[in-house]
Protein backbone atom coordinates (compact mmCIF):
# COMPACT_ATOMS: atom_id res chain seq x y z
CA UNK A 1 -0.02 0.13 0.13
CA UNK A 2 1.18 3.66 -0.85
CA UNK A 3 0.73 6.00 1.90
CA UNK A 4 -1.80 8.92 1.22
CA UNK A 5 -0.39 12.23 0.23
CA UNK A 6 -0.87 14.71 2.70
CA UNK A 7 -2.30 12.52 5.35
CA UNK A 8 0.39 11.91 8.45
CA UNK A 9 2.87 12.26 5.41
CA UNK A 10 6.60 12.33 7.17
CA UNK A 11 8.71 14.85 5.06
CA UNK A 12 12.33 13.68 5.21
CA UNK A 13 15.40 15.40 5.68
CA UNK A 14 19.31 14.95 5.03
CA UNK A 15 20.00 16.40 8.15
CA UNK A 16 20.55 14.77 11.53
CA UNK A 17 19.65 17.92 13.15
CA UNK A 18 16.15 18.18 11.78
CA UNK A 19 12.98 17.70 13.67
CA UNK A 20 10.38 14.71 12.43
CA UNK A 21 8.15 17.06 10.10
CA UNK A 22 4.73 15.92 9.50
CA UNK A 23 1.76 17.25 7.04
CA UNK A 24 -1.71 16.27 7.43
CA UNK A 25 -4.77 17.83 5.71
CA UNK A 26 -6.72 18.10 9.68
CA UNK A 27 -8.90 20.80 8.79
CA UNK A 28 -11.49 20.30 11.06
CA UNK A 29 -11.59 20.37 14.97
CA UNK A 30 -11.71 16.32 15.22
CA UNK A 31 -9.16 15.36 12.60
CA UNK A 32 -7.10 18.00 14.49
CA UNK A 33 -7.16 16.82 17.84
CA UNK A 34 -6.65 13.17 16.43
CA UNK A 35 -3.17 13.66 14.51
CA UNK A 36 -1.90 16.03 17.48
CA UNK A 37 -3.25 13.08 20.14
CA UNK A 38 -1.33 10.60 17.90
CA UNK A 39 1.99 13.15 17.29
CA UNK A 40 1.77 14.05 20.76
CA UNK A 41 2.68 10.52 21.90
CA UNK A 42 5.53 10.23 19.34
CA UNK A 43 6.91 13.48 20.83
CA UNK A 44 6.83 12.28 24.51
CA UNK A 45 8.44 8.83 23.24
CA UNK A 46 11.71 11.45 21.40
CA UNK A 47 11.82 13.30 24.47
CA UNK A 48 10.95 16.19 22.06
CA UNK A 49 8.07 18.86 22.22
CA UNK A 50 5.12 19.21 19.55
CA UNK A 51 5.05 21.93 17.21
CA UNK A 52 1.51 22.66 15.36
CA UNK A 53 1.54 25.25 12.35
CA UNK A 54 -2.11 25.60 10.95
CA UNK A 55 -4.87 27.97 9.77
CA UNK A 56 -8.17 27.67 9.11
CA UNK A 57 -9.92 28.52 5.36
CA UNK A 58 -11.46 31.50 4.46
CA UNK A 59 -15.10 31.59 3.58
CA UNK A 60 -15.65 28.28 5.27
CA UNK A 61 -17.22 27.43 8.71
CA UNK A 62 -16.53 30.02 10.94
CA UNK A 63 -17.33 28.50 14.37
CA UNK A 64 -14.62 25.66 13.95
CA UNK A 65 -12.06 28.37 14.27
CA UNK A 66 -11.98 29.01 18.04
CA UNK A 67 -12.51 25.47 18.34
CA UNK A 68 -9.50 24.50 16.54
CA UNK A 69 -7.42 27.26 18.61
CA UNK A 70 -8.63 25.67 21.74
CA UNK A 71 -7.47 22.18 20.49
CA UNK A 72 -3.90 23.15 19.28
CA UNK A 73 -3.36 25.37 22.27
CA UNK A 74 -4.09 22.48 24.44
CA UNK A 75 -2.21 19.61 22.96
CA UNK A 76 0.94 21.22 21.65
CA UNK A 77 3.96 22.84 23.17
CA UNK A 78 3.68 25.32 20.62
CA UNK A 79 1.48 26.77 18.07
CA UNK A 80 2.08 28.94 14.90
CA UNK A 81 -1.32 30.30 13.71
CA UNK A 82 -1.00 31.03 10.05
CA UNK A 83 -3.05 31.46 6.79
CA UNK A 84 -4.39 28.33 5.14
CA UNK A 85 -6.74 29.51 1.96
CA UNK A 86 -7.95 32.70 3.13
CA UNK A 87 -10.07 33.38 -0.27
CA UNK A 88 -11.99 36.47 0.03
CA UNK A 89 -11.41 36.76 3.89
CA UNK A 90 -8.69 39.16 5.39
CA UNK A 91 -6.21 36.19 6.57
CA UNK A 92 -5.46 38.48 10.07
CA UNK A 93 -9.18 38.30 10.93
CA UNK A 94 -9.17 34.21 10.45
CA UNK A 95 -6.27 34.40 12.62
CA UNK A 96 -7.88 36.33 15.46
CA UNK A 97 -10.76 34.06 15.44
CA UNK A 98 -8.68 31.12 15.89
CA UNK A 99 -7.00 32.70 18.89
CA UNK A 100 -9.90 33.82 20.46
CA UNK A 101 -10.65 29.95 21.45
CA UNK A 102 -7.13 30.29 23.37
CA UNK A 103 -6.97 30.68 26.84
CA UNK A 104 -4.87 33.41 28.51
CA UNK A 105 -3.37 30.39 30.51
CA UNK A 106 -2.18 27.82 28.66
CA UNK A 107 0.57 25.08 28.04
CA UNK A 108 1.58 26.23 24.84
CA UNK A 109 3.32 29.14 23.33
CA UNK A 110 1.42 31.05 20.49
CA UNK A 111 2.77 33.08 17.52
CA UNK A 112 0.97 34.57 14.42
CA UNK A 113 2.53 34.59 11.60
CA UNK A 114 0.09 35.47 8.33
CA UNK A 115 2.82 34.08 5.76
CA UNK A 116 2.92 30.59 5.57
CA UNK A 117 5.80 29.88 4.05
CA UNK A 118 7.26 32.05 6.72
CA UNK A 119 5.42 30.22 9.54
CA UNK A 120 6.43 26.93 8.60
CA UNK A 121 10.32 28.11 8.34
CA UNK A 122 9.92 29.58 11.69
CA UNK A 123 8.60 25.96 13.23
CA UNK A 124 11.45 24.19 11.65
CA UNK A 125 14.30 26.75 12.43
CA UNK A 126 13.04 26.69 15.99
CA UNK A 127 12.68 22.87 16.33
CA UNK A 128 15.26 20.40 17.87
CA UNK A 129 16.27 17.10 16.39
CA UNK A 130 13.90 15.16 18.94
CA UNK A 131 10.76 17.46 18.42
CA UNK A 132 7.90 16.65 16.34
CA UNK A 133 6.51 19.83 13.79
CA UNK A 134 2.74 19.29 12.39
CA UNK A 135 1.81 21.39 9.35
CA UNK A 136 -1.88 21.02 9.17
CA UNK A 137 -5.06 22.13 7.17
CA UNK A 138 -3.64 21.96 3.47
CA UNK A 139 -2.38 18.37 3.33
CA UNK A 140 -2.46 17.21 -0.50
CA UNK A 141 -3.03 20.77 -1.83
CA UNK A 142 -0.67 22.21 -3.91
CA UNK A 143 -2.29 25.93 -3.93
CA UNK A 144 -3.00 28.66 -1.77
CA UNK A 145 -6.42 30.85 -2.36
CA UNK A 146 -5.78 34.52 -1.55
CA UNK A 147 -8.51 37.09 -2.79
CA UNK A 148 -9.97 34.62 -5.41
CA UNK A 149 -6.28 34.12 -6.76
CA UNK A 150 -4.73 30.60 -6.98
CA UNK A 151 -0.64 30.30 -6.20
CA UNK A 152 1.57 27.49 -6.18
CA UNK A 153 1.94 26.56 -2.81
CA UNK A 154 2.95 23.07 -1.28
CA UNK A 155 3.65 22.44 2.74
CA UNK A 156 5.58 19.33 1.83
CA UNK A 157 7.56 21.38 -0.68
CA UNK A 158 8.34 24.47 2.03
CA UNK A 159 9.11 22.06 4.55
CA UNK A 160 11.89 20.16 2.17
CA UNK A 161 13.16 23.68 1.09
CA UNK A 162 13.91 24.76 4.99
CA UNK A 163 15.03 21.49 6.10
CA UNK A 164 17.22 20.29 3.18
CA UNK A 165 14.63 17.60 2.53
CA UNK A 166 15.02 14.68 0.41
CA UNK A 167 11.70 13.51 -0.83
């Protein structure tokens, strides 16, 4: 069996100091919770931290945004909230709605980086070799829709670029 692109997809790096990097399409609260539960146990077994990079799509269910923020904050050690496919919405407003679900007292640290490529780069550069970095929300997608226009964008390609990846 071949693995499904964008579902718990491990991105390999030639660097020995690279964290475990995983791309997953998790774009609903339930899916994000499940993938974070799985990766939390892996991060603990590695003696590392769990970093979650994610955003929510624009022009879609707004009610899930704060719920997903609360889930990410409660399960990850560090959360980077970013853009996904903002479509016609303001990416900053989407991120604000995600953060609205996060409590003031939390275990994880939170950053907001609207530029998804910069968010991925930040996560990988801050992570240690024993950490796990999850990039969630786009999975297999190869474009990002901003203000009605589609741009080439791949979470996998950006992880490989920043980490010296090989696959």
